[in-house]
């Protein structure tokens, strides 16, 4: 998943249009352009293998 796609999903889930953001940069997702899916879903923690 692209980090920009994740940012859009988060913005939608949080309904950011309902909140005043005093910072001009808003919510940002930093890091690599592609975010891999979590392969270890049993405990909900990231898999670092």
N, C-alpha and C. Protein backbone atom coordinates (compact mmCIF):
# COMPACT_ATOMS: atom_id res chain seq x y z
N UNK A 1 0.84 -1.17 0.00
CA UNK A 1 0.00 0.00 0.00
C UNK A 1 0.89 1.24 0.00
N UNK A 2 0.53 2.21 -0.79
CA UNK A 2 1.28 3.46 -0.80
C UNK A 2 0.95 4.25 0.45
N UNK A 3 1.95 4.94 1.00
CA UNK A 3 1.70 5.70 2.22
C UNK A 3 0.67 6.82 2.00
N UNK A 4 0.57 7.33 0.79
CA UNK A 4 -0.44 8.36 0.51
C UNK A 4 -1.85 7.77 0.56
N UNK A 5 -1.99 6.50 0.12
CA UNK A 5 -3.29 5.82 0.22
C UNK A 5 -3.67 5.59 1.67
N UNK A 6 -2.69 5.20 2.49
CA UNK A 6 -2.93 5.01 3.92
C UNK A 6 -3.36 6.32 4.57
N UNK A 7 -2.71 7.40 4.19
CA UNK A 7 -3.05 8.71 4.74
C UNK A 7 -4.50 9.07 4.41
N UNK A 8 -4.95 8.79 3.19
CA UNK A 8 -6.33 9.06 2.81
C UNK A 8 -7.32 8.24 3.65
N UNK A 9 -6.99 6.97 3.88
CA UNK A 9 -7.85 6.10 4.69
C UNK A 9 -7.95 6.62 6.11
N UNK A 10 -6.81 6.98 6.68
CA UNK A 10 -6.79 7.50 8.05
C UNK A 10 -7.59 8.80 8.14
N UNK A 11 -7.41 9.68 7.18
CA UNK A 11 -8.16 10.94 7.18
C UNK A 11 -9.67 10.69 7.15
N UNK A 12 -10.09 9.72 6.34
CA UNK A 12 -11.51 9.40 6.24
C UNK A 12 -12.03 8.80 7.55
N UNK A 13 -11.29 7.87 8.13
CA UNK A 13 -11.72 7.22 9.37
C UNK A 13 -11.80 8.21 10.52
N UNK A 14 -10.89 9.17 10.57
CA UNK A 14 -10.87 10.15 11.65
C UNK A 14 -11.79 11.34 11.41
N UNK A 15 -12.40 11.39 10.22
CA UNK A 15 -13.28 12.52 9.84
C UNK A 15 -12.59 13.85 10.13
N UNK A 16 -11.42 14.01 9.53
CA UNK A 16 -10.60 15.19 9.84
C UNK A 16 -11.27 16.50 9.47
N UNK A 17 -12.25 16.47 8.57
CA UNK A 17 -12.92 17.72 8.20
C UNK A 17 -13.73 18.30 9.37
N UNK A 18 -13.96 17.51 10.41
CA UNK A 18 -14.71 17.97 11.58
C UNK A 18 -13.83 18.64 12.64
N UNK A 19 -12.52 18.72 12.39
CA UNK A 19 -11.60 19.26 13.38
C UNK A 19 -10.79 20.41 12.79
N UNK A 20 -10.57 21.43 13.60
CA UNK A 20 -9.71 22.53 13.19
C UNK A 20 -8.26 22.14 13.50
N UNK A 21 -7.41 22.19 12.50
CA UNK A 21 -6.00 21.85 12.67
C UNK A 21 -5.19 23.14 12.63
N UNK A 22 -4.56 23.48 13.74
CA UNK A 22 -3.80 24.73 13.80
C UNK A 22 -2.47 24.64 13.04
N UNK A 23 -2.00 23.41 12.77
CA UNK A 23 -0.74 23.24 12.05
C UNK A 23 -1.02 23.22 10.54
N UNK A 24 -0.22 23.95 9.76
CA UNK A 24 -0.47 24.01 8.32
C UNK A 24 -0.20 22.70 7.58
N UNK A 25 0.57 21.79 8.18
CA UNK A 25 0.92 20.56 7.46
C UNK A 25 -0.06 19.42 7.71
N UNK A 26 -0.94 19.50 8.70
CA UNK A 26 -1.95 18.47 8.94
C UNK A 26 -1.34 17.12 9.27
N UNK A 27 -2.12 16.06 9.06
CA UNK A 27 -1.67 14.70 9.31
C UNK A 27 -0.72 14.27 8.20
N UNK A 28 0.39 13.67 8.58
CA UNK A 28 1.35 13.19 7.59
C UNK A 28 1.76 11.77 7.93
N UNK A 29 1.92 10.95 6.90
CA UNK A 29 2.44 9.60 7.06
C UNK A 29 3.83 9.60 6.46
N UNK A 30 4.83 9.42 7.30
CA UNK A 30 6.21 9.47 6.83
C UNK A 30 6.77 8.06 6.65
N UNK A 31 7.90 8.01 6.00
CA UNK A 31 8.58 6.73 5.81
C UNK A 31 8.68 6.36 4.35
N UNK A 32 8.80 5.10 4.10
CA UNK A 32 8.93 4.62 2.72
C UNK A 32 7.64 4.84 1.95
N UNK A 33 7.74 4.99 0.63
CA UNK A 33 6.55 5.21 -0.19
C UNK A 33 5.59 4.02 -0.18
N UNK A 34 6.10 2.82 0.07
CA UNK A 34 5.26 1.62 0.09
C UNK A 34 5.29 1.01 1.48
N UNK A 35 4.11 0.72 2.02
CA UNK A 35 4.00 0.12 3.35
C UNK A 35 3.50 -1.31 3.19
N UNK A 36 4.33 -2.32 3.58
CA UNK A 36 3.88 -3.71 3.43
C UNK A 36 2.81 -4.05 4.46
N UNK A 37 1.97 -5.02 4.12
CA UNK A 37 0.95 -5.48 5.05
C UNK A 37 1.59 -6.27 6.17
N UNK A 38 0.96 -6.27 7.33
CA UNK A 38 1.42 -7.03 8.49
C UNK A 38 1.12 -8.51 8.24
N UNK A 39 2.15 -9.34 8.23
CA UNK A 39 1.95 -10.76 7.95
C UNK A 39 1.62 -11.57 9.20
N UNK A 40 1.84 -11.00 10.39
CA UNK A 40 1.56 -11.71 11.64
C UNK A 40 0.31 -11.11 12.28
N UNK A 41 -0.86 -11.65 11.92
CA UNK A 41 -2.11 -11.10 12.40
C UNK A 41 -2.57 -11.72 13.72
N UNK A 42 -1.83 -12.68 14.28
CA UNK A 42 -2.29 -13.35 15.49
C UNK A 42 -2.24 -12.44 16.71
N UNK A 43 -1.25 -11.55 16.77
CA UNK A 43 -1.14 -10.68 17.94
C UNK A 43 -1.31 -9.20 17.61
N UNK A 44 -1.48 -8.87 16.35
CA UNK A 44 -1.69 -7.49 15.96
C UNK A 44 -0.43 -6.64 15.95
N UNK A 45 0.71 -7.24 16.25
CA UNK A 45 1.96 -6.50 16.27
C UNK A 45 2.66 -6.61 14.93
N UNK A 46 3.47 -5.63 14.57
CA UNK A 46 4.20 -5.70 13.30
C UNK A 46 5.15 -6.88 13.26
N UNK A 47 5.29 -7.44 12.08
CA UNK A 47 6.23 -8.54 11.88
C UNK A 47 7.52 -7.97 11.30
N UNK A 48 8.63 -8.16 11.97
CA UNK A 48 9.91 -7.61 11.52
C UNK A 48 10.82 -8.68 10.96
N UNK A 49 10.26 -9.69 10.33
CA UNK A 49 11.07 -10.76 9.76
C UNK A 49 11.40 -10.48 8.33
